[in-house]
Amino acid sequence: MTDPFKSLDAAQRSSSTSGNETSSVSRRTFAIAGILTTVFGLEEIPSEASEIACLWLLHPRLATQERMTGIATAVITDWNSTFQGARSDSKHGVKGLIAVAFDQRNHGTRLVDPLANEAWKQGNPRHAQDMFSIFQGTARDVSLLIDYIPSFIFPKSDREISKNLVLGVSLGGHAAWSCILHEPRVSAGVVIIGCPDYVNLMADRARLSKLPSWMNSKAPGSQFLGSEDFPSSLLDAVRKYDPASLFLSRMGPIVNTSPLRSESLPRPTEGEKDTLRPILKSCLAGKKILNLSGGLDKLVPYHRGSTFLTWLKQAISPDGWFADGVVTLEDIIDESAEHEVTPKMVDEAVRFIRETLETNNGNPKTGFVREAKI
C-alpha cells in the first residue's frame, strides 16, 4: 500500500518553495496507559481558556502517529488564527483546541507482528481478522485515553476537555467510524478514505484476491462469509461494531444474503424502524460526520460504502424516518483522488472542524445531509 500522505507532502513542499511557510505547533509526548501519546497545541492554548476541545488523530495502515503531524498543525493553526480575537466571546463555548496522536495497535512503537498489517495478496491469511481487530482495538484505545489524558496534561484540574472529535485516515478512518458510533463522548468525526461497510469492503477484496473461499463454489462468494478467511465468529463481532452490519443486520434476509451489497437497499419496514430507532439513537443522535473519499480509490473504493451511506442518508435526512435524530452527514468525493489525502480533503476537514467547534449553531430540529464532489 502506498503512503496516503504522499501527494499531500508534495503539495506542501511545493508551497514551501513558493515562499508560503508552513506553520508549526507545539508537541509533547506522554506515556499514558502504556501508550506513547503526542499532544499538539498545548502551549498555544490561550491563558483564559478553561474549556478545551480534543481532536483524536488516527493514522493509516503501515504508518505511525508521526504522519498525522501535518493535519494536526493545519487544524490547530486554523482554529487559533480564526478565533484569536473571539475566543473570549461567550458565543464560543469551546475556547481551546488540542490534537492527540498515538500509534495504532501493531504499528510503530506497538508493533508485534509485521505480517498482521498486510493483506491477503501480501501473504497474510488472517487479513480480515487482523485488520478488524486492530482498528477496533485502536477505537477502544481512544476511549481509554479519553478517560486518562486530562490527568496527565492538566494535573492541576484547571482545564476541562469538554468536547472530543476524531479524524482518521484509511485504517484510521475505519477506526474513526467505530469511535463515532460507540464512544458517547465523541460528538463529531472526520473519516478520510475509510469505509463504513467492512463486509462489503473485504468481500470485494477477497474477490479481487481470488481467494479459494471466494472462487471455489458454484456461486462465487457464496461460501466466503463463515469460511476460514472470514470466520463466523468474526462476522458476529462485525455485526456488533461495524456501522453497516450493526444496522443492516436488523433488517430482513434480502439485505443480508450476499456478502456484496446491491446498488440499493430496501427501506426498512415499520417494524424494522422500531427496532432500528433505539440503536441509531444510541450510536448517532446529535453527532456530526464528514466522510471524505477518493473518486479513483481502488484500495477502499467509495462504492463499497456508498450503498450503506445512501441508506443512512435516506434515514437521517430532513424528510427521513430518523430525521429527529439530528445527525449531520457530509459525504464529499474528491473525484481525481486515489487512495490518498489531498489538499482539498484537508481543506474540507479543517473547515468542518472549525464549524463544529463554533457552538452557537442554534438547536436544529432535524438531520442534515450534504453531498458534494470537489
Protein backbone atom coordinates (compact mmCIF):
# COMPACT_ATOMS: atom_id res chain seq x y z
CA MET A 1 0.00 0.00 0.00
CA THR A 2 1.42 3.40 -0.96
CA ASP A 3 1.59 6.18 1.60
CA PRO A 4 -1.76 8.07 1.51
CA PHE A 5 0.05 11.26 2.53
CA LYS A 6 2.48 11.22 -0.41
CA SER A 7 0.58 13.69 -2.58
CA LEU A 8 -0.11 15.98 0.39
CA ASP A 9 3.60 16.02 1.23
CA ALA A 10 4.40 17.00 -2.36
CA ALA A 11 1.85 19.83 -2.28
CA GLN A 12 3.27 21.13 0.99
CA ARG A 13 6.84 21.04 -0.36
CA SER A 14 5.68 22.95 -3.42
CA SER A 15 4.01 25.54 -1.19
CA SER A 16 7.19 25.94 0.85
CA THR A 17 9.34 26.51 -2.22
CA SER A 18 6.85 29.15 -3.35
CA GLY A 19 7.53 31.15 -0.20
CA ASN A 20 4.47 30.01 1.77
CA GLU A 21 5.97 28.71 5.00
CA THR A 22 4.09 26.01 6.87
CA SER A 23 3.17 26.93 10.42
CA SER A 24 4.14 24.68 13.31
CA VAL A 25 2.54 23.96 16.65
CA SER A 26 3.94 22.70 19.92
CA ARG A 27 4.03 19.00 20.73
CA ARG A 28 4.60 16.99 23.91
CA THR A 29 4.73 13.24 24.38
CA PHE A 30 3.24 11.45 27.38
CA ALA A 31 3.21 7.76 28.27
CA ILE A 32 -0.45 7.16 29.10
CA ALA A 33 -1.68 3.66 29.98
CA GLY A 34 1.43 2.29 28.28
CA ILE A 35 0.76 4.19 25.04
CA LEU A 36 3.14 6.87 23.81
CA THR A 37 0.76 9.75 23.14
CA THR A 38 1.64 13.01 21.38
CA VAL A 39 -0.34 16.12 22.25
CA PHE A 40 -0.26 19.01 19.78
CA GLY A 41 -1.09 22.62 20.65
CA LEU A 42 -0.82 22.65 24.44
CA GLU A 43 1.42 25.72 24.51
CA GLU A 44 -0.88 27.64 22.18
CA ILE A 45 -3.96 27.34 24.41
CA PRO A 46 -4.99 30.87 25.47
CA SER A 47 -4.38 31.54 29.14
CA GLU A 48 -8.05 32.41 29.69
CA ALA A 49 -9.31 29.16 28.17
CA SER A 50 -10.79 26.74 30.66
CA GLU A 51 -12.69 24.55 28.18
CA ILE A 52 -10.75 22.54 25.61
CA ALA A 53 -11.71 20.54 22.53
CA CYS A 54 -9.60 17.49 21.73
CA LEU A 55 -9.19 16.10 18.20
CA TRP A 56 -8.06 12.46 18.16
CA LEU A 57 -5.93 11.62 15.11
CA LEU A 58 -5.78 8.04 13.81
CA HIS A 59 -3.16 7.19 11.19
CA PRO A 60 -3.26 4.82 8.17
CA ARG A 61 -2.20 1.19 7.99
CA LEU A 62 1.60 0.70 7.79
CA ALA A 63 2.15 4.24 9.09
CA THR A 64 2.74 5.78 12.52
CA GLN A 65 1.37 8.68 14.54
CA GLU A 66 4.06 10.93 13.05
CA ARG A 67 2.16 11.05 9.74
CA MET A 68 -0.69 12.96 11.43
CA THR A 69 1.51 15.96 12.30
CA GLY A 70 0.54 17.94 9.20
CA ILE A 71 -3.19 17.61 9.81
CA ALA A 72 -2.76 18.48 13.49
CA THR A 73 -0.85 21.60 12.50
CA ALA A 74 -3.40 22.66 9.88
CA VAL A 75 -6.41 22.24 12.15
CA ILE A 76 -4.94 23.91 15.23
CA THR A 77 -3.40 26.78 13.25
CA ASP A 78 -6.74 27.45 11.56
CA TRP A 79 -8.69 27.42 14.84
CA ASN A 80 -6.22 29.61 16.71
CA SER A 81 -5.90 32.16 13.90
CA THR A 82 -9.62 32.31 13.12
CA PHE A 83 -10.69 32.82 16.72
CA GLN A 84 -7.75 34.75 18.10
CA GLY A 85 -9.94 37.76 18.75
CA ALA A 86 -13.12 35.88 19.52
CA ARG A 87 -12.23 33.08 21.95
CA SER A 88 -13.37 35.08 24.95
CA ASP A 89 -16.68 35.81 23.23
CA SER A 90 -19.42 33.99 25.15
CA LYS A 91 -20.87 32.52 21.96
CA HIS A 92 -17.83 30.26 21.61
CA GLY A 93 -18.31 27.57 24.22
CA VAL A 94 -15.10 25.75 23.28
CA LYS A 95 -12.16 28.11 23.54
CA GLY A 96 -9.06 25.99 23.08
CA LEU A 97 -8.11 23.14 20.74
CA ILE A 98 -5.52 20.40 21.04
CA ALA A 99 -4.90 17.34 18.86
CA VAL A 100 -3.72 13.93 20.03
CA ALA A 101 -2.00 11.18 18.04
CA PHE A 102 -0.74 7.74 19.01
CA ASP A 103 0.39 4.60 17.21
CA GLN A 104 -2.41 2.25 16.27
CA ARG A 105 -2.18 -1.27 17.65
CA ASN A 106 0.57 -3.33 15.96
CA HIS A 107 2.10 -0.17 14.46
CA GLY A 108 5.13 1.94 15.26
CA THR A 109 6.17 1.55 18.91
CA ARG A 110 3.45 -1.09 19.36
CA LEU A 111 4.47 -3.42 16.52
CA VAL A 112 4.47 -7.12 17.43
CA ASP A 113 3.78 -8.89 14.10
CA PRO A 114 4.52 -7.14 10.78
CA LEU A 115 2.60 -9.73 8.74
CA ALA A 116 -0.61 -8.91 10.63
CA ASN A 117 -0.62 -5.48 8.98
CA GLU A 118 -0.54 -6.95 5.48
CA ALA A 119 -3.36 -8.10 3.18
CA TRP A 120 -4.18 -11.46 1.59
CA LYS A 121 -2.16 -10.61 -1.51
CA GLN A 122 0.89 -9.98 0.70
CA GLY A 123 0.59 -13.44 2.26
CA ASN A 124 -1.44 -12.78 5.40
CA PRO A 125 -4.12 -15.49 5.65
CA ARG A 126 -5.79 -13.71 8.59
CA HIS A 127 -6.15 -10.33 6.91
CA ALA A 128 -9.86 -9.94 7.74
CA GLN A 129 -9.42 -10.84 11.43
CA ASP A 130 -6.21 -8.85 11.84
CA MET A 131 -7.40 -5.61 10.30
CA PHE A 132 -10.77 -5.51 12.03
CA SER A 133 -9.38 -6.38 15.47
CA ILE A 134 -6.52 -3.89 15.12
CA PHE A 135 -8.63 -0.86 14.27
CA GLN A 136 -11.38 -1.81 16.70
CA GLY A 137 -8.67 -2.07 19.36
CA THR A 138 -7.48 1.39 18.38
CA ALA A 139 -11.01 2.74 18.77
CA ARG A 140 -11.08 1.31 22.29
CA ASP A 141 -7.72 2.96 22.95
CA VAL A 142 -9.35 6.31 22.16
CA SER A 143 -11.93 5.63 24.87
CA LEU A 144 -9.20 4.59 27.29
CA LEU A 145 -7.15 7.71 26.59
CA ILE A 146 -10.20 9.97 26.91
CA ASP A 147 -10.52 8.62 30.45
CA TYR A 148 -6.97 9.42 31.49
CA ILE A 149 -5.46 12.15 29.33
CA PRO A 150 -6.84 15.08 31.43
CA SER A 151 -4.92 13.90 34.50
CA PHE A 152 -1.69 13.89 32.52
CA ILE A 153 -1.94 17.17 30.60
CA PHE A 154 -3.98 19.17 33.14
CA PRO A 155 -2.83 17.74 36.51
CA LYS A 156 -4.00 20.86 38.34
CA SER A 157 -7.53 20.22 37.02
CA ASP A 158 -7.66 23.86 35.95
CA ARG A 159 -8.94 22.97 32.50
CA GLU A 160 -11.56 20.58 31.19
CA ILE A 161 -11.77 18.68 27.91
CA SER A 162 -15.38 19.44 27.09
CA LYS A 163 -15.55 18.16 23.52
CA ASN A 164 -13.97 15.20 21.72
CA LEU A 165 -13.70 14.83 17.96
CA VAL A 166 -11.94 12.17 15.89
CA LEU A 167 -10.22 12.23 12.49
CA GLY A 168 -8.91 9.05 10.88
CA VAL A 169 -7.23 8.17 7.59
CA SER A 170 -7.66 4.80 5.83
CA LEU A 171 -7.29 2.22 8.64
CA GLY A 172 -7.70 5.17 10.99
CA GLY A 173 -10.85 6.09 9.06
CA HIS A 174 -12.34 2.67 9.79
CA ALA A 175 -11.47 3.20 13.45
CA ALA A 176 -12.99 6.69 13.38
CA TRP A 177 -16.36 5.24 12.31
CA SER A 178 -16.23 2.97 15.37
CA CYS A 179 -15.37 5.87 17.67
CA ILE A 180 -18.28 7.89 16.31
CA LEU A 181 -20.76 5.05 16.86
CA HIS A 182 -19.57 3.55 20.12
CA GLU A 183 -17.94 6.33 22.15
CA PRO A 184 -20.64 8.68 23.51
CA ARG A 185 -18.03 11.36 24.31
CA VAL A 186 -17.04 11.66 20.64
CA SER A 187 -19.55 14.11 19.17
CA ALA A 188 -18.10 14.55 15.68
CA GLY A 189 -15.75 12.80 13.30
CA VAL A 190 -13.91 13.08 10.01
CA VAL A 191 -13.40 9.88 8.01
CA ILE A 192 -10.84 10.15 5.20
CA ILE A 193 -10.67 7.25 2.71
CA GLY A 194 -12.26 4.88 5.25
CA CYS A 195 -15.25 2.58 4.83
CA PRO A 196 -18.41 2.11 6.94
CA ASP A 197 -19.15 -1.36 5.49
CA TYR A 198 -16.44 -3.86 6.42
CA VAL A 199 -18.18 -6.91 4.96
CA ASN A 200 -18.66 -5.25 1.59
CA LEU A 201 -15.08 -3.97 1.52
CA MET A 202 -13.50 -7.30 2.46
CA ALA A 203 -15.75 -9.35 0.20
CA ASP A 204 -14.65 -7.22 -2.73
CA ARG A 205 -11.02 -7.58 -1.66
CA ALA A 206 -11.46 -11.38 -1.43
CA ARG A 207 -12.92 -11.40 -4.93
CA LEU A 208 -10.02 -9.38 -6.33
CA SER A 209 -7.52 -11.56 -4.45
CA LYS A 210 -9.14 -14.68 -5.97
CA LEU A 211 -9.24 -16.45 -2.63
CA PRO A 212 -10.31 -20.11 -2.86
CA SER A 213 -13.10 -19.38 -0.38
CA TRP A 214 -14.45 -16.93 -2.94
CA MET A 215 -13.77 -18.85 -6.13
CA ASN A 216 -14.42 -22.49 -5.22
CA SER A 217 -18.19 -22.51 -5.15
CA LYS A 218 -20.92 -22.68 -7.79
CA ALA A 219 -21.92 -19.13 -6.92
CA PRO A 220 -18.62 -17.26 -6.38
CA GLY A 221 -18.55 -15.64 -2.97
CA SER A 222 -21.46 -17.58 -1.53
CA GLN A 223 -19.19 -19.50 0.87
CA PHE A 224 -16.86 -16.63 1.81
CA LEU A 225 -18.65 -15.49 4.96
CA GLY A 226 -18.14 -18.23 7.51
CA SER A 227 -15.00 -19.59 5.83
CA GLU A 228 -11.53 -19.56 7.41
CA ASP A 229 -10.90 -16.29 5.58
CA PHE A 230 -13.90 -14.65 7.29
CA PRO A 231 -14.93 -16.86 10.24
CA SER A 232 -18.44 -16.80 11.64
CA SER A 233 -17.12 -15.54 14.97
CA LEU A 234 -15.55 -12.57 13.18
CA LEU A 235 -18.88 -11.88 11.47
CA ASP A 236 -20.52 -11.82 14.90
CA ALA A 237 -18.03 -9.16 16.04
CA VAL A 238 -18.53 -7.16 12.85
CA ARG A 239 -22.27 -7.10 13.46
CA LYS A 240 -21.63 -5.60 16.91
CA TYR A 241 -19.27 -2.81 15.87
CA ASP A 242 -19.29 -2.09 12.12
CA PRO A 243 -21.74 0.64 11.01
CA ALA A 244 -23.34 -1.17 8.07
CA SER A 245 -23.53 -4.60 9.68
CA LEU A 246 -24.71 -3.19 13.02
CA PHE A 247 -27.73 -1.52 11.45
CA LEU A 248 -28.48 -3.66 8.39
CA SER A 249 -28.36 -6.96 10.31
CA ARG A 250 -31.57 -5.75 11.98
CA MET A 251 -33.32 -5.88 8.62
CA GLY A 252 -34.69 -8.81 6.62
CA PRO A 253 -32.75 -11.55 4.79
CA ILE A 254 -32.91 -9.72 1.45
CA VAL A 255 -30.34 -7.29 2.84
CA ASN A 256 -28.05 -9.89 4.40
CA THR A 257 -27.91 -12.85 1.99
CA SER A 258 -24.96 -11.71 -0.15
CA PRO A 259 -21.52 -10.53 1.05
CA LEU A 260 -21.53 -7.92 -1.71
CA ARG A 261 -24.30 -5.37 -1.21
CA SER A 262 -26.53 -4.49 -4.12
CA GLU A 263 -26.59 -0.98 -5.52
CA SER A 264 -29.63 -0.09 -3.47
CA LEU A 265 -31.18 -1.30 -0.24
CA PRO A 266 -34.88 -1.50 0.56
CA ARG A 267 -36.29 0.98 3.00
CA PRO A 268 -36.95 -0.61 6.39
CA THR A 269 -40.45 -1.71 7.24
CA GLU A 270 -42.27 -0.04 10.11
CA GLY A 271 -41.36 -2.95 12.34
CA GLU A 272 -37.70 -2.71 11.35
CA LYS A 273 -37.75 1.03 12.03
CA ASP A 274 -38.99 0.34 15.54
CA THR A 275 -36.02 -1.99 16.04
CA LEU A 276 -33.51 0.38 14.44
CA ARG A 277 -34.52 3.66 16.09
CA PRO A 278 -33.10 2.96 19.57
CA ILE A 279 -29.83 1.69 18.05
CA LEU A 280 -29.48 4.74 15.83
CA LYS A 281 -30.34 6.99 18.75
CA SER A 282 -27.73 5.38 20.97
CA CYS A 283 -25.00 5.45 18.32
CA LEU A 284 -25.59 8.57 16.23
CA ALA A 285 -28.13 11.01 17.67
CA GLY A 286 -26.82 14.57 17.54
CA LYS A 287 -23.49 13.61 16.00
CA LYS A 288 -21.72 15.21 13.03
CA ILE A 289 -19.81 13.24 10.41
CA LEU A 290 -17.68 14.28 7.44
CA ASN A 291 -16.93 11.40 5.05
CA LEU A 292 -14.17 12.17 2.52
CA SER A 293 -13.44 9.72 -0.30
CA GLY A 294 -11.30 9.44 -3.40
CA GLY A 295 -13.22 9.01 -6.62
CA LEU A 296 -10.42 6.88 -8.11
CA ASP A 297 -9.64 4.92 -4.94
CA LYS A 298 -9.10 1.22 -5.72
CA LEU A 299 -7.97 0.07 -2.28
CA VAL A 300 -11.02 1.40 -0.39
CA PRO A 301 -13.45 2.11 -3.25
CA TYR A 302 -16.17 4.62 -2.48
CA HIS A 303 -18.83 2.34 -3.99
CA ARG A 304 -18.17 -0.30 -1.33
CA GLY A 305 -19.51 2.07 1.32
CA SER A 306 -21.95 4.06 -0.79
CA THR A 307 -24.80 1.54 -0.64
CA PHE A 308 -24.92 1.82 3.14
CA LEU A 309 -24.29 5.57 3.09
CA THR A 310 -27.26 6.06 0.75
CA TRP A 311 -29.44 4.05 3.13
CA LEU A 312 -28.21 6.10 6.10
CA LYS A 313 -28.70 9.43 4.33
CA GLN A 314 -32.27 8.47 3.49
CA ALA A 315 -32.90 7.75 7.17
CA ILE A 316 -31.36 10.91 8.67
CA SER A 317 -32.29 13.47 6.00
CA PRO A 318 -34.81 16.21 6.91
CA ASP A 319 -37.65 14.11 5.46
CA GLY A 320 -36.24 10.77 6.61
CA TRP A 321 -37.64 8.40 9.21
CA PHE A 322 -34.83 9.25 11.66
CA ALA A 323 -34.74 12.99 10.96
CA ASP A 324 -35.39 13.74 14.61
CA GLY A 325 -32.06 12.12 15.46
CA VAL A 326 -30.46 15.38 14.27
CA VAL A 327 -27.50 13.64 12.62
CA THR A 328 -25.27 15.64 10.26
CA LEU A 329 -23.58 13.73 7.45
CA GLU A 330 -21.46 15.39 4.79
CA ASP A 331 -20.42 12.95 2.07
CA ILE A 332 -17.77 14.51 -0.17
CA ILE A 333 -15.80 12.91 -3.01
CA ASP A 334 -12.55 14.27 -4.42
CA GLU A 335 -13.15 12.98 -7.94
CA SER A 336 -9.49 12.97 -9.02
CA ALA A 337 -8.12 11.39 -5.84
CA GLU A 338 -6.91 7.82 -5.48
CA HIS A 339 -6.26 6.25 -2.04
CA GLU A 340 -4.70 9.42 -0.76
CA VAL A 341 -5.15 12.51 1.35
CA THR A 342 -5.32 15.55 -0.91
CA PRO A 343 -5.05 19.26 -0.07
CA LYS A 344 -8.74 19.62 -0.93
CA MET A 345 -9.62 16.93 1.59
CA VAL A 346 -7.58 18.66 4.28
CA ASP A 347 -9.30 21.97 3.49
CA GLU A 348 -12.70 20.31 3.93
CA ALA A 349 -11.61 18.67 7.18
CA VAL A 350 -10.28 21.94 8.58
CA ARG A 351 -13.47 23.74 7.60
CA PHE A 352 -15.69 21.03 9.13
CA ILE A 353 -13.81 21.02 12.44
CA ARG A 354 -13.89 24.81 12.66
CA GLU A 355 -17.63 24.89 12.02
CA THR A 356 -18.21 22.09 14.52
CA LEU A 357 -16.35 23.97 17.23
CA GLU A 358 -18.48 27.07 16.64
CA THR A 359 -21.00 26.01 19.20
CA ASN A 360 -23.54 28.80 18.67
CA ASN A 361 -25.35 26.98 15.87
CA GLY A 362 -28.82 27.09 17.39
CA ASN A 363 -30.80 23.94 18.11
CA PRO A 364 -31.53 22.13 14.83
CA LYS A 365 -34.67 20.04 14.81
CA THR A 366 -33.80 17.63 12.01
CA GLY A 367 -30.82 15.90 10.45
CA PHE A 368 -28.71 17.40 7.72
CA VAL A 369 -27.20 15.74 4.65
CA ARG A 370 -24.75 17.29 2.22
CA GLU A 371 -23.32 15.59 -0.87
CA ALA A 372 -20.58 17.20 -2.94
CA LYS A 373 -17.84 16.48 -5.43
CA ILE A 374 -14.66 18.54 -5.30
